[in-house]
C-alpha atoms as a PDB file:
ATOM      1  CA  UNK A   1      87.341 169.379 104.096  1.00  0.00           C
ATOM      2  CA  UNK A   2      86.482 168.848 100.447  1.00  0.00           C
ATOM      3  CA  UNK A   3      83.665 166.457  99.636  1.00  0.00           C
ATOM      4  CA  UNK A   4      83.158 163.838  98.380  1.00  0.00           C
ATOM      5  CA  UNK A   5      85.715 161.830 100.345  1.00  0.00           C
ATOM      6  CA  UNK A   6      87.319 158.562  99.402  1.00  0.00           C
ATOM      7  CA  UNK A   7      87.362 155.766 101.964  1.00  0.00           C
ATOM      8  CA  UNK A   8      90.814 156.595 103.367  1.00  0.00           C
ATOM      9  CA  UNK A   9      89.798 160.202 103.881  1.00  0.00           C
ATOM     10  CA  UNK A  10      86.545 159.103 105.502  1.00  0.00           C
ATOM     11  CA  UNK A  11      88.484 156.787 107.796  1.00  0.00           C
ATOM     12  CA  UNK A  12      90.720 159.646 108.875  1.00  0.00           C
ATOM     13  CA  UNK A  13      87.827 162.102 109.330  1.00  0.00           C
ATOM     14  CA  UNK A  14      85.650 159.666 111.285  1.00  0.00           C
ATOM     15  CA  UNK A  15      88.240 157.729 113.271  1.00  0.00           C
ATOM     16  CA  UNK A  16      86.904 154.450 111.838  1.00  0.00           C
ATOM     17  CA  UNK A  17      89.198 152.083 109.919  1.00  0.00           C
ATOM     18  CA  UNK A  18      88.496 151.586 106.209  1.00  0.00           C
ATOM     19  CA  UNK A  19      87.938 147.860 106.745  1.00  0.00           C
ATOM     20  CA  UNK A  20      85.372 148.652 109.446  1.00  0.00           C
ATOM     21  CA  UNK A  21      83.660 151.172 107.176  1.00  0.00           C
ATOM     22  CA  UNK A  22      83.212 148.460 104.542  1.00  0.00           C
ATOM     23  CA  UNK A  23      81.860 146.126 107.226  1.00  0.00           C
ATOM     24  CA  UNK A  24      79.402 148.774 108.436  1.00  0.00           C
ATOM     25  CA  UNK A  25      78.196 149.193 104.860  1.00  0.00           C
ATOM     26  CA  UNK A  26      77.579 145.439 104.629  1.00  0.00           C
ATOM     27  CA  UNK A  27      75.881 145.470 108.046  1.00  0.00           C
ATOM     28  CA  UNK A  28      73.497 148.232 106.976  1.00  0.00           C
ATOM     29  CA  UNK A  29      74.819 150.947 109.287  1.00  0.00           C
ATOM     30  CA  UNK A  30      76.071 153.062 106.430  1.00  0.00           C
ATOM     31  CA  UNK A  31      74.156 153.480 103.177  1.00  0.00           C
ATOM     32  CA  UNK A  32      75.828 152.289  99.985  1.00  0.00           C
ATOM     33  CA  UNK A  33      78.137 155.078  98.844  1.00  0.00           C
ATOM     34  CA  UNK A  34      78.165 156.771  95.508  1.00  0.00           C
ATOM     35  CA  UNK A  35      80.838 155.463  93.167  1.00  0.00           C
ATOM     36  CA  UNK A  36      83.309 157.373  91.054  1.00  0.00           C
ATOM     37  CA  UNK A  37      83.837 156.335  87.441  1.00  0.00           C
ATOM     38  CA  UNK A  38      86.870 154.344  88.566  1.00  0.00           C
ATOM     39  CA  UNK A  39      84.747 152.474  91.145  1.00  0.00           C
ATOM     40  CA  UNK A  40      86.087 154.264  94.216  1.00  0.00           C
ATOM     41  CA  UNK A  41      83.591 154.819  96.987  1.00  0.00           C
ATOM     42  CA  UNK A  42      82.621 158.451  97.545  1.00  0.00           C
ATOM     43  CA  UNK A  43      81.360 159.737 100.890  1.00  0.00           C
ATOM     44  CA  UNK A  44      79.595 162.843 102.171  1.00  0.00           C
ATOM     45  CA  UNK A  45      79.727 164.964 105.312  1.00  0.00           C
ATOM     46  CA  UNK A  46      76.642 163.053 106.505  1.00  0.00           C
ATOM     47  CA  UNK A  47      78.628 159.824 106.256  1.00  0.00           C
ATOM     48  CA  UNK A  48      81.310 161.348 108.507  1.00  0.00           C
ATOM     49  CA  UNK A  49      78.685 162.371 111.099  1.00  0.00           C
ATOM     50  CA  UNK A  50      76.992 158.979 110.914  1.00  0.00           C
ATOM     51  CA  UNK A  51      80.253 157.071 111.383  1.00  0.00           C
ATOM     52  CA  UNK A  52      81.269 159.247 114.328  1.00  0.00           C
ATOM     53  CA  UNK A  53      77.907 158.490 115.933  1.00  0.00           C
ATOM     54  CA  UNK A  54      78.353 154.757 115.307  1.00  0.00           C
ATOM     55  CA  UNK A  55      81.948 154.788 116.616  1.00  0.00           C
ATOM     56  CA  UNK A  56      80.992 156.615 119.807  1.00  0.00           C
ATOM     57  CA  UNK A  57      77.823 154.570 120.364  1.00  0.00           C
ATOM     58  CA  UNK A  58      79.821 151.341 119.965  1.00  0.00           C
ATOM     59  CA  UNK A  59      82.249 152.621 122.610  1.00  0.00           C
ATOM     60  CA  UNK A  60      79.224 153.084 124.903  1.00  0.00           C
ATOM     61  CA  UNK A  61      78.192 149.468 124.394  1.00  0.00           C
ATOM     62  CA  UNK A  62      75.545 149.750 121.694  1.00  0.00           C
ATOM     63  CA  UNK A  63      75.260 146.637 119.549  1.00  0.00           C
ATOM     64  CA  UNK A  64      75.217 146.730 115.772  1.00  0.00           C
ATOM     65  CA  UNK A  65      71.571 145.619 115.840  1.00  0.00           C
ATOM     66  CA  UNK A  66      70.650 148.476 118.190  1.00  0.00           C
ATOM     67  CA  UNK A  67      72.463 150.973 116.005  1.00  0.00           C
ATOM     68  CA  UNK A  68      70.853 149.602 112.862  1.00  0.00           C
ATOM     69  CA  UNK A  69      67.462 150.149 114.517  1.00  0.00           C
ATOM     70  CA  UNK A  70      68.292 153.686 115.678  1.00  0.00           C
ATOM     71  CA  UNK A  71      69.678 154.686 112.295  1.00  0.00           C
ATOM     72  CA  UNK A  72      66.720 153.133 110.452  1.00  0.00           C
ATOM     73  CA  UNK A  73      64.362 155.225 112.575  1.00  0.00           C
ATOM     74  CA  UNK A  74      66.316 158.349 111.672  1.00  0.00           C
ATOM     75  CA  UNK A  75      66.440 157.393 107.996  1.00  0.00           C
ATOM     76  CA  UNK A  76      62.641 157.037 108.056  1.00  0.00           C
ATOM     77  CA  UNK A  77      62.268 160.561 109.414  1.00  0.00           C
ATOM     78  CA  UNK A  78      61.586 159.538 113.023  1.00  0.00           C
ATOM     79  CA  UNK A  79      63.458 161.046 115.952  1.00  0.00           C
ATOM     80  CA  UNK A  80      65.165 158.089 117.660  1.00  0.00           C
ATOM     81  CA  UNK A  81      66.064 160.001 120.821  1.00  0.00           C
ATOM     82  CA  UNK A  82      63.408 158.470 123.109  1.00  0.00           C
ATOM     83  CA  UNK A  83      64.448 155.012 121.944  1.00  0.00           C
ATOM     84  CA  UNK A  84      68.117 155.854 122.565  1.00  0.00           C
ATOM     85  CA  UNK A  85      67.283 157.009 126.113  1.00  0.00           C
ATOM     86  CA  UNK A  86      65.500 153.685 126.722  1.00  0.00           C
ATOM     87  CA  UNK A  87      68.547 151.819 125.429  1.00  0.00           C
ATOM     88  CA  UNK A  88      70.780 153.860 127.736  1.00  0.00           C
ATOM     89  CA  UNK A  89      68.606 152.928 130.723  1.00  0.00           C
ATOM     90  CA  UNK A  90      68.888 149.266 129.703  1.00  0.00           C
ATOM     91  CA  UNK A  91      72.671 149.558 129.396  1.00  0.00           C
ATOM     92  CA  UNK A  92      72.986 151.100 132.858  1.00  0.00           C
ATOM     93  CA  UNK A  93      70.887 148.266 134.313  1.00  0.00           C
ATOM     94  CA  UNK A  94      73.044 145.686 132.506  1.00  0.00           C
ATOM     95  CA  UNK A  95      76.200 147.299 133.863  1.00  0.00           C
ATOM     96  CA  UNK A  96      74.813 147.352 137.406  1.00  0.00           C
ATOM     97  CA  UNK A  97      73.992 143.641 137.110  1.00  0.00           C
ATOM     98  CA  UNK A  98      77.464 142.914 135.739  1.00  0.00           C
ATOM     99  CA  UNK A  99      79.073 144.899 138.571  1.00  0.00           C
ATOM    100  CA  UNK A 100      77.195 142.778 141.130  1.00  0.00           C
ATOM    101  CA  UNK A 101      78.316 139.619 139.327  1.00  0.00           C
ATOM    102  CA  UNK A 102      81.921 140.816 139.293  1.00  0.00           C
ATOM    103  CA  UNK A 103      81.782 141.711 142.995  1.00  0.00           C
ATOM    104  CA  UNK A 104      80.543 138.191 143.747  1.00  0.00           C
ATOM    105  CA  UNK A 105      83.301 136.731 141.597  1.00  0.00           C
ATOM    106  CA  UNK A 106      85.901 138.847 143.399  1.00  0.00           C
ATOM    107  CA  UNK A 107      84.656 137.593 146.787  1.00  0.00           C
ATOM    108  CA  UNK A 108      84.794 133.993 145.535  1.00  0.00           C
ATOM    109  CA  UNK A 109      88.343 134.463 144.263  1.00  0.00           C
ATOM    110  CA  UNK A 110      89.418 136.120 147.511  1.00  0.00           C
ATOM    111  CA  UNK A 111      87.928 133.207 149.477  1.00  0.00           C
ATOM    112  CA  UNK A 112      89.871 130.740 147.348  1.00  0.00           C
ATOM    113  CA  UNK A 113      93.066 132.731 147.800  1.00  0.00           C
ATOM    114  CA  UNK A 114      92.555 132.751 151.566  1.00  0.00           C
ATOM    115  CA  UNK A 115      92.121 128.966 151.554  1.00  0.00           C
ATOM    116  CA  UNK A 116      95.088 128.465 149.229  1.00  0.00           C
ATOM    117  CA  UNK A 117      97.501 129.767 151.840  1.00  0.00           C
ATOM    118  CA  UNK A 118      96.972 126.731 154.055  1.00  0.00           C
ATOM    119  CA  UNK A 119      97.059 124.090 151.315  1.00  0.00           C
ATOM    120  CA  UNK A 120      99.992 122.292 149.711  1.00  0.00           C
ATOM    121  CA  UNK A 121     101.260 123.875 146.533  1.00  0.00           C
ATOM    122  CA  UNK A 122     102.719 120.731 144.983  1.00  0.00           C
ATOM    123  CA  UNK A 123      99.946 118.204 144.592  1.00  0.00           C
ATOM    124  CA  UNK A 124     100.287 116.478 141.239  1.00  0.00           C
ATOM    125  CA  UNK A 125      96.992 114.642 141.763  1.00  0.00           C
ATOM    126  CA  UNK A 126      95.213 117.965 142.408  1.00  0.00           C
ATOM    127  CA  UNK A 127      93.322 116.441 145.338  1.00  0.00           C
ATOM    128  CA  UNK A 128      94.389 118.401 148.409  1.00  0.00           C
ATOM    129  CA  UNK A 129      95.422 121.707 146.884  1.00  0.00           C
ATOM    130  CA  UNK A 130      93.617 124.749 145.557  1.00  0.00           C
ATOM    131  CA  UNK A 131      92.991 122.930 142.271  1.00  0.00           C
ATOM    132  CA  UNK A 132      90.861 120.378 144.120  1.00  0.00           C
ATOM    133  CA  UNK A 133      88.839 123.152 145.745  1.00  0.00           C
ATOM    134  CA  UNK A 134      88.206 124.739 142.369  1.00  0.00           C
ATOM    135  CA  UNK A 135      87.237 121.403 140.827  1.00  0.00           C
ATOM    136  CA  UNK A 136      84.820 120.560 143.637  1.00  0.00           C
ATOM    137  CA  UNK A 137      83.116 123.949 143.806  1.00  0.00           C
ATOM    138  CA  UNK A 138      79.362 123.575 143.579  1.00  0.00           C
ATOM    139  CA  UNK A 139      78.327 127.185 144.045  1.00  0.00           C
ATOM    140  CA  UNK A 140      76.600 128.589 140.960  1.00  0.00           C
ATOM    141  CA  UNK A 141      77.578 125.784 138.624  1.00  0.00           C
ATOM    142  CA  UNK A 142      77.315 126.928 135.038  1.00  0.00           C
ATOM    143  CA  UNK A 143      77.343 124.670 132.017  1.00  0.00           C
ATOM    144  CA  UNK A 144      80.342 125.039 129.771  1.00  0.00           C
ATOM    145  CA  UNK A 145      79.670 126.742 126.470  1.00  0.00           C
END
């Protein structure tokens, strides 16, 4: 690959859309690129590596703020690896919590489905059907956002 790359070439090499690359620049994940005389952005091999890291880390659930922090550490000459391991531990814990929440939700939905079989299916007033059961549920009420 011949460097420097223009944004379309960088998009192809990194697997990140050009629009997303511009957004990542604005968000501080990618340093401002050099500019050609005609104003085109010019990118390096380091930009390709950095974008691949960002793309893959995003797929693993890293937030933009987390990535900004990790990349800032690296840019300041610090090895961010210990911090990344801590973030990975946090992500695993978050996923385990979410799995428990989803298992509870599945049980609740299965319970409602079991009850639905013995209820009328045409209740316009939604009083004696499954809709009434859903409306009157009091378990784990959560405010609407």
